[in-house]
Amino acid sequence: MKALRKTVVFLMVALMVVAFCACGDSGSSESADSSPITEDEIAALYTDADSFTGRTFEFPGRVLDVEKDGGDLYLQVYQDITNYENNTVVVYPDADVNPKMDDFVRVKGTVEGTFSGENALGGDVEAPQITAEKVEIIDAMEAFPATKTVEVNQTVEKGSYQATVTKVDFTKDETRIYLTVKNGSSASFDNNPDMGVIVQNGKQYEAEWNEYYPEPSTELKAGASSESVIAFPKVEESDFTFSFEGYDADYNDLEFSFDITVE
């Protein structure tokens, strides 16, 4: 990802200010279309932003770079977080937030057309420019929103050890399990939910590492607890079993198994 950042250098603030001012003089009509951009229109937005001038756009993204000029905030944001694509220039006047590089943000604003300029390497850059009415910092789970959330709150106890699945998120690309494990013993516990499995309709799915989500503590100290989000490939929005193993101080294998009901 660092290599990718080096190839996409942030646009100079001076150029952005010029473009912002130019957009402001472009003479909008009271009858101009200000309707929200839909999911189906996003690809077209990043091909021809000028045709969407005046439309409102709300999206989660990841910050590539940040500049401030007085109270104004200038961001370069990836709208396509998964693929590090769809560069977007965001101008937020009188900003009340201070995002940093790599933060996830939600942007709500108005399309001002296409920003055109040069990056620090002398290359031509074009990207949709958004004048934001709101920018807020969000967590990774909000950045990859769920299409369905199931509140579970199911607890399994094995002696002095307790595991609770609080909820499950289904997204368009994955399944997320929110898990809390507590060690009520006087010794350490080997906690391995990141090696857990989902079984659904006779098919097994292995847990996948996701750099954005809270990871479990694999060596859980006496009296401690660990909250984590375990990611799996996308499964059907129907009932399944989730299970994982742990080992106590005497190397006894303890299995925690949950029958998740999806309504």
C-alpha atoms as a PDB file:
ATOM      1  CA  MET A   1       0.000   0.000   0.000  1.00  0.00           C
ATOM      2  CA  LYS A   2       2.952   2.330   0.705  1.00  0.00           C
ATOM      3  CA  ALA A   3       4.155   1.795  -2.828  1.00  0.00           C
ATOM      4  CA  LEU A   4       0.717   2.724  -4.089  1.00  0.00           C
ATOM      5  CA  ARG A   5       0.744   5.961  -2.120  1.00  0.00           C
ATOM      6  CA  LYS A   6       4.031   6.918  -3.723  1.00  0.00           C
ATOM      7  CA  THR A   7       2.467   6.670  -7.172  1.00  0.00           C
ATOM      8  CA  VAL A   8      -0.501   8.882  -6.266  1.00  0.00           C
ATOM      9  CA  VAL A   9       0.821  12.129  -4.843  1.00  0.00           C
ATOM     10  CA  PHE A  10      -1.517  14.638  -3.255  1.00  0.00           C
ATOM     11  CA  LEU A  11      -2.652  17.589  -5.362  1.00  0.00           C
ATOM     12  CA  MET A  12      -1.206  20.952  -4.345  1.00  0.00           C
ATOM     13  CA  VAL A  13      -3.452  23.038  -2.112  1.00  0.00           C
ATOM     14  CA  ALA A  14      -3.009  26.131  -4.288  1.00  0.00           C
ATOM     15  CA  LEU A  15      -4.346  24.275  -7.323  1.00  0.00           C
ATOM     16  CA  MET A  16      -7.275  22.990  -5.339  1.00  0.00           C
ATOM     17  CA  VAL A  17      -8.174  26.472  -4.139  1.00  0.00           C
ATOM     18  CA  VAL A  18      -8.128  27.755  -7.730  1.00  0.00           C
ATOM     19  CA  ALA A  19     -10.341  24.910  -8.898  1.00  0.00           C
ATOM     20  CA  PHE A  20     -12.685  25.409  -5.962  1.00  0.00           C
ATOM     21  CA  CYS A  21     -13.084  29.083  -6.758  1.00  0.00           C
ATOM     22  CA  ALA A  22     -13.587  28.383 -10.451  1.00  0.00           C
ATOM     23  CA  CYS A  23     -16.335  25.909  -9.670  1.00  0.00           C
ATOM     24  CA  GLY A  24     -18.036  28.475  -7.501  1.00  0.00           C
ATOM     25  CA  ASP A  25     -18.314  30.837 -10.468  1.00  0.00           C
ATOM     26  CA  SER A  26     -19.845  28.291 -12.806  1.00  0.00           C
ATOM     27  CA  GLY A  27     -23.357  29.744 -12.559  1.00  0.00           C
ATOM     28  CA  SER A  28     -25.759  27.134 -11.248  1.00  0.00           C
ATOM     29  CA  SER A  29     -29.457  27.253 -12.025  1.00  0.00           C
ATOM     30  CA  GLU A  30     -32.192  27.008  -9.439  1.00  0.00           C
ATOM     31  CA  SER A  31     -33.619  24.152 -11.487  1.00  0.00           C
ATOM     32  CA  ALA A  32     -30.315  22.224 -11.519  1.00  0.00           C
ATOM     33  CA  ASP A  33     -30.537  18.578 -10.480  1.00  0.00           C
ATOM     34  CA  SER A  34     -29.390  18.192  -6.870  1.00  0.00           C
ATOM     35  CA  SER A  35     -30.623  14.639  -6.359  1.00  0.00           C
ATOM     36  CA  PRO A  36     -28.363  12.107  -4.596  1.00  0.00           C
ATOM     37  CA  ILE A  37     -26.014  10.047  -6.740  1.00  0.00           C
ATOM     38  CA  THR A  38     -27.057   6.402  -6.656  1.00  0.00           C
ATOM     39  CA  GLU A  39     -24.873   3.314  -6.409  1.00  0.00           C
ATOM     40  CA  ASP A  40     -25.496   2.583 -10.082  1.00  0.00           C
ATOM     41  CA  GLU A  41     -24.198   6.033 -11.085  1.00  0.00           C
ATOM     42  CA  ILE A  42     -20.864   5.931  -9.249  1.00  0.00           C
ATOM     43  CA  ALA A  43     -18.871   4.442 -12.138  1.00  0.00           C
ATOM     44  CA  ALA A  44     -20.165   7.183 -14.463  1.00  0.00           C
ATOM     45  CA  LEU A  45     -19.285   9.873 -11.895  1.00  0.00           C
ATOM     46  CA  TYR A  46     -15.629   8.852 -12.039  1.00  0.00           C
ATOM     47  CA  THR A  47     -15.698   8.902 -15.836  1.00  0.00           C
ATOM     48  CA  ASP A  48     -17.428  12.270 -16.338  1.00  0.00           C
ATOM     49  CA  ALA A  49     -17.825  14.226 -13.121  1.00  0.00           C
ATOM     50  CA  ASP A  50     -18.872  17.410 -14.958  1.00  0.00           C
ATOM     51  CA  SER A  51     -22.162  15.810 -15.942  1.00  0.00           C
ATOM     52  CA  PHE A  52     -22.960  15.346 -12.233  1.00  0.00           C
ATOM     53  CA  THR A  53     -22.275  18.946 -11.170  1.00  0.00           C
ATOM     54  CA  GLY A  54     -24.741  20.022  -8.492  1.00  0.00           C
ATOM     55  CA  ARG A  55     -25.679  16.474  -7.489  1.00  0.00           C
ATOM     56  CA  THR A  56     -25.267  15.423  -3.866  1.00  0.00           C
ATOM     57  CA  PHE A  57     -22.954  12.556  -3.018  1.00  0.00           C
ATOM     58  CA  GLU A  58     -22.523  10.689   0.266  1.00  0.00           C
ATOM     59  CA  PHE A  59     -19.909   7.938   0.542  1.00  0.00           C
ATOM     60  CA  PRO A  60     -17.400   6.259   2.849  1.00  0.00           C
ATOM     61  CA  GLY A  61     -13.760   6.494   1.818  1.00  0.00           C
ATOM     62  CA  ARG A  62     -10.162   6.221   2.971  1.00  0.00           C
ATOM     63  CA  VAL A  63      -7.913   9.247   3.276  1.00  0.00           C
ATOM     64  CA  LEU A  64      -4.887   9.267   0.990  1.00  0.00           C
ATOM     65  CA  ASP A  65      -3.599  12.673   2.054  1.00  0.00           C
ATOM     66  CA  VAL A  66      -4.610  15.758   4.014  1.00  0.00           C
ATOM     67  CA  GLU A  67      -3.875  19.478   3.748  1.00  0.00           C
ATOM     68  CA  LYS A  68      -5.271  22.402   5.745  1.00  0.00           C
ATOM     69  CA  ASP A  69      -5.394  26.092   4.837  1.00  0.00           C
ATOM     70  CA  GLY A  70      -6.681  28.164   7.691  1.00  0.00           C
ATOM     71  CA  GLY A  71      -9.921  26.523   8.739  1.00  0.00           C
ATOM     72  CA  ASP A  72     -10.448  24.807   5.400  1.00  0.00           C
ATOM     73  CA  LEU A  73      -9.677  21.134   4.859  1.00  0.00           C
ATOM     74  CA  TYR A  74      -8.499  19.568   1.593  1.00  0.00           C
ATOM     75  CA  LEU A  75      -8.544  15.802   1.257  1.00  0.00           C
ATOM     76  CA  GLN A  76      -7.713  13.245  -1.346  1.00  0.00           C
ATOM     77  CA  VAL A  77      -9.902  10.207  -0.686  1.00  0.00           C
ATOM     78  CA  TYR A  78     -10.315   6.768  -2.229  1.00  0.00           C
ATOM     79  CA  GLN A  79     -14.023   6.150  -2.699  1.00  0.00           C
ATOM     80  CA  ASP A  80     -13.328   2.528  -3.677  1.00  0.00           C
ATOM     81  CA  ILE A  81     -11.625   1.462  -0.456  1.00  0.00           C
ATOM     82  CA  THR A  82     -11.185  -2.177  -1.386  1.00  0.00           C
ATOM     83  CA  ASN A  83      -9.292  -1.509  -4.614  1.00  0.00           C
ATOM     84  CA  TYR A  84      -7.688   1.850  -3.710  1.00  0.00           C
ATOM     85  CA  GLU A  85      -9.442   3.488  -6.663  1.00  0.00           C
ATOM     86  CA  ASN A  86     -11.774   6.385  -7.464  1.00  0.00           C
ATOM     87  CA  ASN A  87      -9.640   9.291  -6.297  1.00  0.00           C
ATOM     88  CA  THR A  88     -11.828  12.104  -5.031  1.00  0.00           C
ATOM     89  CA  VAL A  89     -10.857  15.670  -4.136  1.00  0.00           C
ATOM     90  CA  VAL A  90     -12.824  16.868  -1.115  1.00  0.00           C
ATOM     91  CA  VAL A  91     -12.929  20.533  -0.069  1.00  0.00           C
ATOM     92  CA  TYR A  92     -14.412  21.093   3.397  1.00  0.00           C
ATOM     93  CA  PRO A  93     -14.724  24.790   4.291  1.00  0.00           C
ATOM     94  CA  ASP A  94     -14.616  25.681   7.996  1.00  0.00           C
ATOM     95  CA  ALA A  95     -13.785  22.094   8.874  1.00  0.00           C
ATOM     96  CA  ASP A  96     -14.679  20.774  12.324  1.00  0.00           C
ATOM     97  CA  VAL A  97     -12.750  17.503  11.997  1.00  0.00           C
ATOM     98  CA  ASN A  98      -9.064  16.554  11.665  1.00  0.00           C
ATOM     99  CA  PRO A  99      -8.685  13.255   9.791  1.00  0.00           C
ATOM    100  CA  LYS A 100      -5.250  11.735   9.215  1.00  0.00           C
ATOM    101  CA  MET A 101      -3.807   9.706   6.382  1.00  0.00           C
ATOM    102  CA  ASP A 102      -5.384   6.207   6.258  1.00  0.00           C
ATOM    103  CA  ASP A 103      -8.407   7.239   8.346  1.00  0.00           C
ATOM    104  CA  PHE A 104     -11.802   6.096   7.171  1.00  0.00           C
ATOM    105  CA  VAL A 105     -14.240   8.956   6.633  1.00  0.00           C
ATOM    106  CA  ARG A 106     -17.806   9.504   5.533  1.00  0.00           C
ATOM    107  CA  VAL A 107     -18.220  12.447   3.175  1.00  0.00           C
ATOM    108  CA  LYS A 108     -21.459  14.217   2.362  1.00  0.00           C
ATOM    109  CA  GLY A 109     -21.431  17.069  -0.118  1.00  0.00           C
ATOM    110  CA  THR A 110     -22.054  18.437  -3.598  1.00  0.00           C
ATOM    111  CA  VAL A 111     -20.249  17.579  -6.822  1.00  0.00           C
ATOM    112  CA  GLU A 112     -18.446  20.626  -8.235  1.00  0.00           C
ATOM    113  CA  GLY A 113     -17.383  18.941 -11.467  1.00  0.00           C
ATOM    114  CA  THR A 114     -13.917  17.713 -12.423  1.00  0.00           C
ATOM    115  CA  PHE A 115     -10.758  18.884 -10.698  1.00  0.00           C
ATOM    116  CA  SER A 116      -7.842  19.067 -13.145  1.00  0.00           C
ATOM    117  CA  GLY A 117      -4.249  19.732 -12.161  1.00  0.00           C
ATOM    118  CA  GLU A 118      -0.768  18.325 -11.767  1.00  0.00           C
ATOM    119  CA  ASN A 119       0.657  16.180  -9.025  1.00  0.00           C
ATOM    120  CA  ALA A 120       4.124  16.662  -7.553  1.00  0.00           C
ATOM    121  CA  LEU A 121       5.565  14.308 -10.189  1.00  0.00           C
ATOM    122  CA  GLY A 122       4.276  16.527 -12.987  1.00  0.00           C
ATOM    123  CA  GLY A 123       1.580  14.099 -14.063  1.00  0.00           C
ATOM    124  CA  ASP A 124      -1.908  15.181 -15.066  1.00  0.00           C
ATOM    125  CA  VAL A 125      -4.573  14.387 -12.516  1.00  0.00           C
ATOM    126  CA  GLU A 126      -8.331  14.506 -12.933  1.00  0.00           C
ATOM    127  CA  ALA A 127     -10.786  13.628 -10.185  1.00  0.00           C
ATOM    128  CA  PRO A 128     -14.310  14.516  -9.103  1.00  0.00           C
ATOM    129  CA  GLN A 129     -14.308  17.458  -6.709  1.00  0.00           C
ATOM    130  CA  ILE A 130     -16.743  17.513  -3.806  1.00  0.00           C
ATOM    131  CA  THR A 131     -17.561  20.484  -1.636  1.00  0.00           C
ATOM    132  CA  ALA A 132     -18.405  18.831   1.662  1.00  0.00           C
ATOM    133  CA  GLU A 133     -21.070  19.890   4.086  1.00  0.00           C
ATOM    134  CA  LYS A 134     -19.966  17.133   6.450  1.00  0.00           C
ATOM    135  CA  VAL A 135     -16.892  14.943   6.912  1.00  0.00           C
ATOM    136  CA  GLU A 136     -16.787  12.522   9.822  1.00  0.00           C
ATOM    137  CA  ILE A 137     -14.214   9.952  10.890  1.00  0.00           C
ATOM    138  CA  ILE A 138     -15.666   6.430  11.032  1.00  0.00           C
ATOM    139  CA  ASP A 139     -14.385   2.971  11.921  1.00  0.00           C
ATOM    140  CA  ALA A 140     -13.632   0.174   9.473  1.00  0.00           C
ATOM    141  CA  MET A 141     -16.934  -1.585  10.077  1.00  0.00           C
ATOM    142  CA  GLU A 142     -18.829   1.554   9.028  1.00  0.00           C
ATOM    143  CA  ALA A 143     -16.527   1.958   6.035  1.00  0.00           C
ATOM    144  CA  PHE A 144     -17.574  -1.499   4.818  1.00  0.00           C
ATOM    145  CA  PRO A 145     -21.278  -1.262   5.703  1.00  0.00           C
ATOM    146  CA  ALA A 146     -23.432  -4.250   6.488  1.00  0.00           C
ATOM    147  CA  THR A 147     -26.341  -5.153   4.242  1.00  0.00           C
ATOM    148  CA  LYS A 148     -27.850  -7.070   7.161  1.00  0.00           C
ATOM    149  CA  THR A 149     -27.017  -7.244  10.886  1.00  0.00           C
ATOM    150  CA  VAL A 150     -28.193 -10.009  13.205  1.00  0.00           C
ATOM    151  CA  GLU A 151     -28.136  -9.390  16.964  1.00  0.00           C
ATOM    152  CA  VAL A 152     -27.035 -12.682  18.529  1.00  0.00           C
ATOM    153  CA  ASN A 153     -25.846 -12.196  22.159  1.00  0.00           C
ATOM    154  CA  GLN A 154     -25.172 -15.917  22.563  1.00  0.00           C
ATOM    155  CA  THR A 155     -22.692 -17.120  25.222  1.00  0.00           C
ATOM    156  CA  VAL A 156     -20.877 -20.458  25.485  1.00  0.00           C
ATOM    157  CA  GLU A 157     -19.022 -21.361  28.696  1.00  0.00           C
ATOM    158  CA  LYS A 158     -16.271 -23.925  29.075  1.00  0.00           C
ATOM    159  CA  GLY A 159     -15.241 -24.063  32.714  1.00  0.00           C
ATOM    160  CA  SER A 160     -13.592 -20.754  33.588  1.00  0.00           C
ATOM    161  CA  TYR A 161     -13.724 -19.533  29.982  1.00  0.00           C
ATOM    162  CA  GLN A 162     -16.565 -17.691  28.321  1.00  0.00           C
ATOM    163  CA  ALA A 163     -17.151 -16.696  24.698  1.00  0.00           C
ATOM    164  CA  THR A 164     -19.961 -14.461  23.455  1.00  0.00           C
ATOM    165  CA  VAL A 165     -21.029 -13.716  19.891  1.00  0.00           C
ATOM    166  CA  THR A 166     -22.735 -10.334  20.147  1.00  0.00           C
ATOM    167  CA  LYS A 167     -23.755  -9.857  16.519  1.00  0.00           C
ATOM    168  CA  VAL A 168     -23.100 -10.864  12.913  1.00  0.00           C
ATOM    169  CA  ASP A 169     -22.768  -8.520   9.937  1.00  0.00           C
ATOM    170  CA  PHE A 170     -23.361  -9.568   6.360  1.00  0.00           C
ATOM    171  CA  THR A 171     -21.716  -7.222   3.851  1.00  0.00           C
ATOM    172  CA  LYS A 172     -21.571  -7.409   0.063  1.00  0.00           C
ATOM    173  CA  ASP A 173     -18.129  -9.050   0.269  1.00  0.00           C
ATOM    174  CA  GLU A 174     -17.818 -10.817   3.626  1.00  0.00           C
ATOM    175  CA  THR A 175     -19.334 -12.013   6.895  1.00  0.00           C
ATOM    176  CA  ARG A 176     -18.239 -10.443  10.217  1.00  0.00           C
ATOM    177  CA  ILE A 177     -18.579 -12.035  13.638  1.00  0.00           C
ATOM    178  CA  TYR A 178     -18.283  -9.802  16.705  1.00  0.00           C
ATOM    179  CA  LEU A 179     -16.791 -11.870  19.511  1.00  0.00           C
ATOM    180  CA  THR A 180     -15.830 -11.369  23.154  1.00  0.00           C
ATOM    181  CA  VAL A 181     -13.747 -13.986  25.001  1.00  0.00           C
ATOM    182  CA  LYS A 182     -13.177 -13.847  28.775  1.00  0.00           C
ATOM    183  CA  ASN A 183     -10.570 -15.798  30.724  1.00  0.00           C
ATOM    184  CA  GLY A 184     -11.860 -16.352  34.242  1.00  0.00           C
ATOM    185  CA  SER A 185      -9.037 -18.714  35.237  1.00  0.00           C
ATOM    186  CA  SER A 186      -5.780 -18.022  37.103  1.00  0.00           C
ATOM    187  CA  ALA A 187      -3.585 -18.893  34.102  1.00  0.00           C
ATOM    188  CA  SER A 188      -3.191 -17.834  30.473  1.00  0.00           C
ATOM    189  CA  PHE A 189      -5.532 -19.136  27.784  1.00  0.00           C
ATOM    190  CA  ASP A 190      -4.656 -19.778  24.120  1.00  0.00           C
ATOM    191  CA  ASN A 191      -7.437 -18.039  22.211  1.00  0.00           C
ATOM    192  CA  ASN A 192      -7.778 -18.897  18.505  1.00  0.00           C
ATOM    193  CA  PRO A 193     -10.989 -17.450  16.992  1.00  0.00           C
ATOM    194  CA  ASP A 194      -8.958 -16.223  14.017  1.00  0.00           C
ATOM    195  CA  MET A 195      -8.635 -19.924  13.110  1.00  0.00           C
ATOM    196  CA  GLY A 196     -12.364 -20.518  13.455  1.00  0.00           C
ATOM    197  CA  VAL A 197     -14.746 -21.881  10.856  1.00  0.00           C
ATOM    198  CA  ILE A 198     -18.279 -21.332   9.618  1.00  0.00           C
ATOM    199  CA  VAL A 199     -20.283 -24.348   8.427  1.00  0.00           C
ATOM    200  CA  GLN A 200     -23.378 -23.603   6.366  1.00  0.00           C
ATOM    201  CA  ASN A 201     -25.369 -26.075   4.267  1.00  0.00           C
ATOM    202  CA  GLY A 202     -22.567 -28.606   4.451  1.00  0.00           C
ATOM    203  CA  LYS A 203     -19.882 -26.144   3.281  1.00  0.00           C
ATOM    204  CA  GLN A 204     -17.001 -24.970   5.465  1.00  0.00           C
ATOM    205  CA  TYR A 205     -15.550 -21.446   5.377  1.00  0.00           C
ATOM    206  CA  GLU A 206     -12.235 -20.502   6.966  1.00  0.00           C
ATOM    207  CA  ALA A 207     -11.619 -17.241   8.834  1.00  0.00           C
ATOM    208  CA  GLU A 208      -9.766 -14.580   6.834  1.00  0.00           C
ATOM    209  CA  TRP A 209      -7.402 -11.936   8.201  1.00  0.00           C
ATOM    210  CA  ASN A 210      -8.602  -8.383   7.694  1.00  0.00           C
ATOM    211  CA  GLU A 211      -6.103  -5.666   8.576  1.00  0.00           C
ATOM    212  CA  TYR A 212      -8.844  -3.161   9.351  1.00  0.00           C
ATOM    213  CA  TYR A 213     -10.674  -5.050  12.099  1.00  0.00           C
ATOM    214  CA  PRO A 214      -9.848  -5.501  15.812  1.00  0.00           C
ATOM    215  CA  GLU A 215      -7.811  -8.691  16.183  1.00  0.00           C
ATOM    216  CA  PRO A 216      -8.222 -11.212  19.025  1.00  0.00           C
ATOM    217  CA  SER A 217      -5.607 -11.566  21.749  1.00  0.00           C
ATOM    218  CA  THR A 218      -4.207 -15.016  21.089  1.00  0.00           C
ATOM    219  CA  GLU A 219      -2.596 -15.286  24.536  1.00  0.00           C
ATOM    220  CA  LEU A 220      -5.292 -14.176  26.924  1.00  0.00           C
ATOM    221  CA  LYS A 221      -3.936 -13.461  30.389  1.00  0.00           C
ATOM    222  CA  ALA A 222      -5.684 -14.558  33.596  1.00  0.00           C
ATOM    223  CA  GLY A 223      -8.758 -12.443  34.301  1.00  0.00           C
ATOM    224  CA  ALA A 224      -8.548 -10.638  30.947  1.00  0.00           C
ATOM    225  CA  SER A 225     -10.988 -10.369  28.045  1.00  0.00           C
ATOM    226  CA  SER A 226     -10.601  -9.793  24.316  1.00  0.00           C
ATOM    227  CA  GLU A 227     -13.022  -8.186  21.876  1.00  0.00           C
ATOM    228  CA  SER A 228     -12.500  -8.849  18.184  1.00  0.00           C
ATOM    229  CA  VAL A 229     -14.178  -8.923  14.786  1.00  0.00           C
ATOM    230  CA  ILE A 230     -13.593 -12.154  12.856  1.00  0.00           C
ATOM    231  CA  ALA A 231     -13.977 -11.930   9.087  1.00  0.00           C
ATOM    232  CA  PHE A 232     -15.118 -14.759   6.813  1.00  0.00           C
ATOM    233  CA  PRO A 233     -15.934 -14.988   3.115  1.00  0.00           C
ATOM    234  CA  LYS A 234     -19.450 -13.966   2.201  1.00  0.00           C
ATOM    235  CA  VAL A 235     -21.987 -16.638   3.156  1.00  0.00           C
ATOM    236  CA  GLU A 236     -25.722 -16.797   2.617  1.00  0.00           C
ATOM    237  CA  GLU A 237     -27.922 -14.712   4.883  1.00  0.00           C
ATOM    238  CA  SER A 238     -29.244 -17.857   6.573  1.00  0.00           C
ATOM    239  CA  ASP A 239     -28.515 -20.054   9.607  1.00  0.00           C
ATOM    240  CA  PHE A 240     -24.973 -21.332  10.164  1.00  0.00           C
ATOM    241  CA  THR A 241     -22.626 -22.702  12.831  1.00  0.00           C
ATOM    242  CA  PHE A 242     -19.530 -20.805  13.978  1.00  0.00           C
ATOM    243  CA  SER A 243     -16.883 -22.564  16.042  1.00  0.00           C
ATOM    244  CA  PHE A 244     -13.330 -22.052  17.249  1.00  0.00           C
ATOM    245  CA  GLU A 245     -10.890 -23.674  19.652  1.00  0.00           C
ATOM    246  CA  GLY A 246      -8.747 -22.637  22.586  1.00  0.00           C
ATOM    247  CA  TYR A 247      -6.331 -24.325  24.960  1.00  0.00           C
ATOM    248  CA  ASP A 248      -6.086 -23.985  28.712  1.00  0.00           C
ATOM    249  CA  ALA A 249      -2.860 -24.056  30.729  1.00  0.00           C
ATOM    250  CA  ASP A 250      -2.905 -27.882  30.734  1.00  0.00           C
ATOM    251  CA  TYR A 251      -3.242 -27.950  26.912  1.00  0.00           C
ATOM    252  CA  ASN A 252      -6.812 -29.205  27.056  1.00  0.00           C
ATOM    253  CA  ASP A 253      -8.612 -28.498  23.796  1.00  0.00           C
ATOM    254  CA  LEU A 254     -11.781 -26.438  24.377  1.00  0.00           C
ATOM    255  CA  GLU A 255     -14.225 -25.922  21.509  1.00  0.00           C
ATOM    256  CA  PHE A 256     -16.711 -23.057  21.476  1.00  0.00           C
ATOM    257  CA  SER A 257     -19.562 -23.654  19.052  1.00  0.00           C
ATOM    258  CA  PHE A 258     -22.456 -21.329  18.218  1.00  0.00           C
ATOM    259  CA  ASP A 259     -25.615 -22.093  16.263  1.00  0.00           C
ATOM    260  CA  ILE A 260     -26.437 -18.750  14.674  1.00  0.00           C
ATOM    261  CA  THR A 261     -30.064 -18.171  13.695  1.00  0.00           C
ATOM    262  CA  VAL A 262     -30.623 -15.635  10.937  1.00  0.00           C
ATOM    263  CA  GLU A 263     -34.127 -14.238  10.715  1.00  0.00           C
END
